[in-house]
Structure formats: structure tokens, C-alpha cells
N, C-alpha and C. Protein backbone atom coordinates (compact mmCIF):
# COMPACT_ATOMS: atom_id res chain seq x y z
N UNK A 1 6.91 -7.13 15.42
CA UNK A 1 5.92 -6.11 15.56
C UNK A 1 5.58 -5.89 17.01
N UNK A 2 6.24 -6.54 17.92
CA UNK A 2 5.96 -6.58 19.34
C UNK A 2 5.40 -5.37 19.99
N UNK A 3 6.07 -4.21 19.93
CA UNK A 3 5.61 -3.07 20.72
C UNK A 3 4.65 -2.19 19.95
N UNK A 4 4.14 -2.62 18.85
CA UNK A 4 3.20 -1.84 18.07
C UNK A 4 1.77 -2.12 18.53
N UNK A 5 1.21 -1.22 19.34
CA UNK A 5 -0.13 -1.40 19.81
C UNK A 5 -1.16 -0.88 18.78
N UNK A 6 -0.77 0.12 18.01
CA UNK A 6 -1.62 0.73 17.03
C UNK A 6 -1.62 -0.10 15.75
N UNK A 7 -2.80 -0.49 15.26
CA UNK A 7 -2.85 -1.32 14.05
C UNK A 7 -2.14 -0.68 12.85
N UNK A 8 -2.23 0.67 12.71
CA UNK A 8 -1.56 1.33 11.59
C UNK A 8 -0.05 1.13 11.71
N UNK A 9 0.46 1.19 12.96
CA UNK A 9 1.89 0.95 13.13
C UNK A 9 2.26 -0.48 12.79
N UNK A 10 1.36 -1.40 13.05
CA UNK A 10 1.60 -2.80 12.69
C UNK A 10 1.69 -2.94 11.17
N UNK A 11 0.83 -2.22 10.46
CA UNK A 11 0.88 -2.28 9.01
C UNK A 11 2.17 -1.68 8.49
N UNK A 12 2.60 -0.55 9.07
CA UNK A 12 3.87 0.06 8.68
C UNK A 12 5.02 -0.92 8.96
N UNK A 13 4.99 -1.56 10.12
CA UNK A 13 6.01 -2.55 10.48
C UNK A 13 6.00 -3.70 9.45
N UNK A 14 4.82 -4.14 9.05
CA UNK A 14 4.74 -5.20 8.07
C UNK A 14 5.32 -4.75 6.73
N UNK A 15 5.03 -3.49 6.34
CA UNK A 15 5.62 -2.96 5.11
C UNK A 15 7.12 -2.82 5.21
N UNK A 16 7.63 -2.41 6.35
CA UNK A 16 9.07 -2.33 6.54
C UNK A 16 9.73 -3.71 6.45
N UNK A 17 9.05 -4.73 7.01
CA UNK A 17 9.54 -6.07 6.89
C UNK A 17 9.53 -6.51 5.42
N UNK A 18 8.50 -6.15 4.69
CA UNK A 18 8.43 -6.48 3.29
C UNK A 18 9.62 -5.86 2.51
N UNK A 19 10.00 -4.62 2.87
CA UNK A 19 11.12 -3.98 2.22
C UNK A 19 12.43 -4.69 2.54
N UNK A 20 12.56 -5.12 3.79
CA UNK A 20 13.80 -5.81 4.20
C UNK A 20 13.87 -7.21 3.58
N UNK A 21 12.77 -7.87 3.50
CA UNK A 21 12.69 -9.24 2.97
C UNK A 21 11.84 -9.22 1.72
N UNK A 22 12.35 -8.54 0.69
CA UNK A 22 11.51 -8.34 -0.49
C UNK A 22 11.08 -9.61 -1.17
N UNK A 23 11.86 -10.69 -1.04
CA UNK A 23 11.41 -11.95 -1.61
C UNK A 23 10.11 -12.40 -0.96
N UNK A 24 10.01 -12.24 0.36
CA UNK A 24 8.81 -12.60 1.10
C UNK A 24 7.63 -11.76 0.63
N UNK A 25 7.88 -10.49 0.40
CA UNK A 25 6.81 -9.58 -0.05
C UNK A 25 6.24 -10.04 -1.39
N UNK A 26 7.11 -10.41 -2.28
CA UNK A 26 6.64 -10.87 -3.60
C UNK A 26 5.88 -12.19 -3.47
N UNK A 27 6.32 -13.05 -2.57
CA UNK A 27 5.61 -14.30 -2.35
C UNK A 27 4.26 -14.01 -1.73
N UNK A 28 4.20 -13.05 -0.82
CA UNK A 28 2.96 -12.69 -0.14
C UNK A 28 1.86 -12.34 -1.14
N UNK A 29 2.24 -11.72 -2.26
CA UNK A 29 1.27 -11.27 -3.23
C UNK A 29 1.32 -12.13 -4.50
N UNK A 30 1.92 -13.28 -4.42
CA UNK A 30 2.01 -14.19 -5.54
C UNK A 30 0.62 -14.73 -5.86
N UNK A 31 0.38 -14.98 -7.17
CA UNK A 31 -0.90 -15.57 -7.55
C UNK A 31 -1.05 -16.99 -7.02
N UNK A 32 0.08 -17.63 -6.64
CA UNK A 32 0.03 -18.98 -6.12
C UNK A 32 -0.21 -19.06 -4.63
N UNK A 33 -0.23 -17.92 -3.95
CA UNK A 33 -0.39 -17.90 -2.51
C UNK A 33 -1.83 -18.12 -2.11
N UNK A 34 -2.00 -18.78 -1.01
CA UNK A 34 -3.33 -19.03 -0.49
C UNK A 34 -4.00 -17.67 -0.16
N UNK A 35 -5.19 -17.50 -0.67
CA UNK A 35 -5.95 -16.28 -0.50
C UNK A 35 -6.17 -15.94 0.99
N UNK A 36 -6.32 -16.95 1.82
CA UNK A 36 -6.55 -16.77 3.25
C UNK A 36 -5.38 -16.03 3.93
N UNK A 37 -4.17 -16.24 3.42
CA UNK A 37 -3.02 -15.61 4.01
C UNK A 37 -3.17 -14.08 3.93
N UNK A 38 -3.50 -13.60 2.74
CA UNK A 38 -3.72 -12.16 2.57
C UNK A 38 -4.85 -11.67 3.48
N UNK A 39 -5.93 -12.44 3.53
CA UNK A 39 -7.07 -12.05 4.37
C UNK A 39 -6.66 -11.90 5.82
N UNK A 40 -5.87 -12.83 6.31
CA UNK A 40 -5.46 -12.76 7.72
C UNK A 40 -4.54 -11.57 7.99
N UNK A 41 -3.59 -11.34 7.09
CA UNK A 41 -2.67 -10.21 7.30
C UNK A 41 -3.43 -8.89 7.29
N UNK A 42 -4.32 -8.74 6.36
CA UNK A 42 -4.98 -7.44 6.21
C UNK A 42 -6.22 -7.31 7.08
N UNK A 43 -6.44 -8.30 7.96
CA UNK A 43 -7.42 -8.15 9.03
C UNK A 43 -6.94 -7.00 9.91
N UNK A 44 -5.64 -6.72 9.90
CA UNK A 44 -5.11 -5.58 10.66
C UNK A 44 -5.73 -4.28 10.20
N UNK A 45 -5.98 -4.19 8.90
CA UNK A 45 -6.56 -2.98 8.37
C UNK A 45 -7.99 -2.82 8.86
N UNK A 46 -8.70 -3.90 8.89
CA UNK A 46 -10.05 -3.87 9.45
C UNK A 46 -9.99 -3.42 10.92
N UNK A 47 -9.08 -4.03 11.67
CA UNK A 47 -8.92 -3.66 13.08
C UNK A 47 -8.59 -2.20 13.24
N UNK A 48 -7.75 -1.70 12.35
CA UNK A 48 -7.30 -0.32 12.40
C UNK A 48 -8.45 0.67 12.19
N UNK A 49 -9.42 0.27 11.38
CA UNK A 49 -10.46 1.20 10.99
C UNK A 49 -11.86 0.84 11.46
N UNK A 50 -12.02 -0.33 12.11
CA UNK A 50 -13.36 -0.74 12.46
C UNK A 50 -14.03 0.16 13.45
N UNK A 51 -13.28 0.69 14.42
CA UNK A 51 -13.92 1.58 15.39
C UNK A 51 -14.50 2.82 14.69
N UNK A 52 -13.72 3.39 13.76
CA UNK A 52 -14.20 4.54 13.03
C UNK A 52 -15.38 4.15 12.12
N UNK A 53 -15.25 3.04 11.43
CA UNK A 53 -16.32 2.56 10.56
C UNK A 53 -17.59 2.34 11.40
N UNK A 54 -17.44 1.67 12.51
CA UNK A 54 -18.56 1.32 13.37
C UNK A 54 -19.24 2.60 13.90
N UNK A 55 -18.40 3.55 14.32
CA UNK A 55 -18.93 4.82 14.86
C UNK A 55 -19.71 5.56 13.79
N UNK A 56 -19.14 5.61 12.60
CA UNK A 56 -19.76 6.41 11.52
C UNK A 56 -20.94 5.69 10.86
N UNK A 57 -21.00 4.39 11.03
CA UNK A 57 -22.02 3.64 10.31
C UNK A 57 -22.92 2.88 11.26
N UNK A 58 -23.11 3.43 12.48
CA UNK A 58 -23.86 2.67 13.47
C UNK A 58 -25.33 2.47 13.12
N UNK A 59 -25.79 3.15 12.07
CA UNK A 59 -27.17 2.94 11.64
C UNK A 59 -27.25 1.86 10.58
N UNK A 60 -26.11 1.37 10.15
CA UNK A 60 -26.08 0.28 9.15
C UNK A 60 -26.33 -1.05 9.86
N UNK A 61 -26.95 -1.96 9.14
CA UNK A 61 -27.11 -3.31 9.64
C UNK A 61 -25.73 -3.94 9.76
N UNK A 62 -25.56 -4.87 10.71
CA UNK A 62 -24.26 -5.54 10.90
C UNK A 62 -23.69 -6.12 9.61
N UNK A 63 -24.52 -6.66 8.74
CA UNK A 63 -24.04 -7.23 7.49
C UNK A 63 -23.36 -6.14 6.65
N UNK A 64 -23.97 -4.97 6.57
CA UNK A 64 -23.41 -3.89 5.75
C UNK A 64 -22.16 -3.31 6.37
N UNK A 65 -22.11 -3.21 7.69
CA UNK A 65 -20.88 -2.77 8.36
C UNK A 65 -19.72 -3.73 8.04
N UNK A 66 -20.04 -5.04 8.11
CA UNK A 66 -19.03 -6.06 7.81
C UNK A 66 -18.59 -5.97 6.34
N UNK A 67 -19.54 -5.75 5.46
CA UNK A 67 -19.21 -5.62 4.04
C UNK A 67 -18.30 -4.41 3.83
N UNK A 68 -18.61 -3.29 4.47
CA UNK A 68 -17.81 -2.09 4.34
C UNK A 68 -16.40 -2.30 4.91
N UNK A 69 -16.29 -2.97 6.03
CA UNK A 69 -14.97 -3.24 6.62
C UNK A 69 -14.14 -4.11 5.66
N UNK A 70 -14.75 -5.13 5.10
CA UNK A 70 -13.99 -5.99 4.17
C UNK A 70 -13.67 -5.26 2.87
N UNK A 71 -14.59 -4.48 2.39
CA UNK A 71 -14.34 -3.69 1.18
C UNK A 71 -13.09 -2.78 1.34
N UNK A 72 -13.07 -2.07 2.47
CA UNK A 72 -11.94 -1.16 2.69
C UNK A 72 -10.64 -1.94 2.92
N UNK A 73 -10.72 -3.05 3.63
CA UNK A 73 -9.48 -3.79 3.92
C UNK A 73 -8.89 -4.42 2.65
N UNK A 74 -9.74 -4.95 1.79
CA UNK A 74 -9.17 -5.55 0.59
C UNK A 74 -8.74 -4.49 -0.41
N UNK A 75 -9.36 -3.31 -0.40
CA UNK A 75 -8.83 -2.22 -1.21
C UNK A 75 -7.48 -1.79 -0.71
N UNK A 76 -7.31 -1.72 0.60
CA UNK A 76 -6.02 -1.35 1.19
C UNK A 76 -4.98 -2.44 0.85
N UNK A 77 -5.38 -3.69 0.96
CA UNK A 77 -4.45 -4.80 0.62
C UNK A 77 -4.00 -4.68 -0.81
N UNK A 78 -4.92 -4.34 -1.70
CA UNK A 78 -4.57 -4.21 -3.13
C UNK A 78 -3.62 -3.01 -3.31
N UNK A 79 -3.83 -1.91 -2.59
CA UNK A 79 -2.92 -0.79 -2.67
C UNK A 79 -1.51 -1.16 -2.24
N UNK A 80 -1.42 -1.93 -1.14
CA UNK A 80 -0.10 -2.38 -0.68
C UNK A 80 0.51 -3.34 -1.70
N UNK A 81 -0.31 -4.15 -2.31
CA UNK A 81 0.20 -5.06 -3.36
C UNK A 81 0.81 -4.25 -4.50
N UNK A 82 0.16 -3.18 -4.93
CA UNK A 82 0.70 -2.31 -5.99
C UNK A 82 2.03 -1.74 -5.55
N UNK A 83 2.13 -1.28 -4.30
CA UNK A 83 3.36 -0.74 -3.76
C UNK A 83 4.49 -1.81 -3.82
N UNK A 84 4.19 -3.03 -3.41
CA UNK A 84 5.15 -4.12 -3.41
C UNK A 84 5.60 -4.40 -4.85
N UNK A 85 4.67 -4.52 -5.75
CA UNK A 85 4.98 -4.90 -7.14
C UNK A 85 5.67 -3.78 -7.89
N UNK A 86 5.65 -2.57 -7.34
CA UNK A 86 6.34 -1.44 -7.97
C UNK A 86 7.65 -1.13 -7.28
N UNK A 87 8.17 -2.07 -6.50
CA UNK A 87 9.52 -1.95 -5.97
C UNK A 87 9.65 -1.40 -4.55
N UNK A 88 8.54 -1.06 -3.92
CA UNK A 88 8.55 -0.57 -2.51
C UNK A 88 9.47 0.61 -2.28
N UNK A 89 9.52 1.53 -3.20
CA UNK A 89 10.43 2.69 -3.10
C UNK A 89 9.92 3.75 -2.09
N UNK A 90 8.60 3.90 -2.03
CA UNK A 90 8.01 4.89 -1.14
C UNK A 90 8.12 4.45 0.30
N UNK A 91 8.21 5.42 1.20
CA UNK A 91 8.29 5.15 2.63
C UNK A 91 6.99 4.47 3.08
N UNK A 92 7.11 3.33 3.78
CA UNK A 92 5.91 2.60 4.22
C UNK A 92 4.93 3.45 5.05
N UNK A 93 5.47 4.34 5.90
CA UNK A 93 4.57 5.15 6.71
C UNK A 93 3.73 6.11 5.85
N UNK A 94 4.30 6.56 4.74
CA UNK A 94 3.57 7.43 3.83
C UNK A 94 2.51 6.62 3.06
N UNK A 95 2.85 5.39 2.70
CA UNK A 95 1.91 4.53 1.99
C UNK A 95 0.72 4.24 2.89
N UNK A 96 0.98 3.85 4.11
CA UNK A 96 -0.09 3.53 5.07
C UNK A 96 -0.92 4.78 5.37
N UNK A 97 -0.25 5.90 5.54
CA UNK A 97 -0.97 7.19 5.77
C UNK A 97 -1.91 7.49 4.62
N UNK A 98 -1.46 7.29 3.39
CA UNK A 98 -2.27 7.50 2.19
C UNK A 98 -3.51 6.56 2.22
N UNK A 99 -3.26 5.30 2.52
CA UNK A 99 -4.35 4.31 2.53
C UNK A 99 -5.37 4.65 3.62
N UNK A 100 -4.89 4.93 4.82
CA UNK A 100 -5.78 5.24 5.95
C UNK A 100 -6.58 6.51 5.64
N UNK A 101 -5.92 7.49 5.04
CA UNK A 101 -6.62 8.71 4.65
C UNK A 101 -7.71 8.44 3.65
N UNK A 102 -7.47 7.58 2.68
CA UNK A 102 -8.50 7.17 1.72
C UNK A 102 -9.67 6.48 2.41
N UNK A 103 -9.34 5.58 3.35
CA UNK A 103 -10.40 4.86 4.05
C UNK A 103 -11.26 5.82 4.86
N UNK A 104 -10.62 6.75 5.52
CA UNK A 104 -11.35 7.65 6.41
C UNK A 104 -12.10 8.76 5.68
N UNK A 105 -11.53 9.20 4.53
CA UNK A 105 -12.07 10.40 3.88
C UNK A 105 -12.45 10.21 2.43
N UNK A 106 -12.20 9.05 1.90
CA UNK A 106 -12.55 8.79 0.50
C UNK A 106 -11.61 9.44 -0.51
N UNK A 107 -11.92 9.32 -1.77
CA UNK A 107 -11.04 9.83 -2.80
C UNK A 107 -11.00 11.37 -2.84
N UNK A 108 -11.99 12.02 -2.25
CA UNK A 108 -11.99 13.47 -2.25
C UNK A 108 -10.82 13.99 -1.42
N UNK A 109 -10.25 13.15 -0.56
CA UNK A 109 -9.15 13.59 0.27
C UNK A 109 -7.84 13.73 -0.47
N UNK A 110 -7.78 13.23 -1.71
CA UNK A 110 -6.52 13.26 -2.46
C UNK A 110 -6.58 14.17 -3.65
N UNK A 111 -7.69 14.86 -3.86
CA UNK A 111 -7.81 15.73 -5.01
C UNK A 111 -7.50 17.17 -4.67
């Protein structure tokens, strides 16, 4: 992921790696995997969106901003898990774009 400065690009790179090494992807989302592993990987999603979340929610108490950041990151992680478990057929950049769009604009952005 070396030259990826943008967190969204890092997530796309991670998804591309998952497609190339599909055994690793299935292990990543295995029920036997340590929960912390997922949390660390998808901290990228928090990083990707925290500036926007912080800017839009600057009137929220820090606890609620943190809750919102974690809520969106674990939702995104779950969406990527669905993509992995359904065979990773869709282009990773489209999957990440869909997730980021949901985070930024909510479900109204897809109707």
C-alpha cells in the first residue's frame, strides 16, 4: 500500500489484495479471527472519514464523535465483509466509493 496517501485508496488497495489472496480475505472475516484484527484494519475507514465527521459534528461531545466514527467504520467493515463473502466480484474501487458515499450522505444517497 506504500504510495497510497489517501485512506480510501488504502482501503481499495486492501480490497484488491483480498481479491488476489482470497484465502486471506476469508480468514480476515472468519468467526475464529481475533476481533482486534478487524478493528485495526478498519481504523483506516475512521481515518478516511474522521475529518469530515469532525467538521460536520463539531458541536457533538467527543464521546459522541468517537461513537459516530466507530459506528460508521464497523458498518463499512461489515459491508466489505459481505463483499468478501459474496465472492469479491465487484470492482473494489466501486465498493469503497459506495461505502464512502453512504458514510458521507447516508442511505438517501442510494435511493
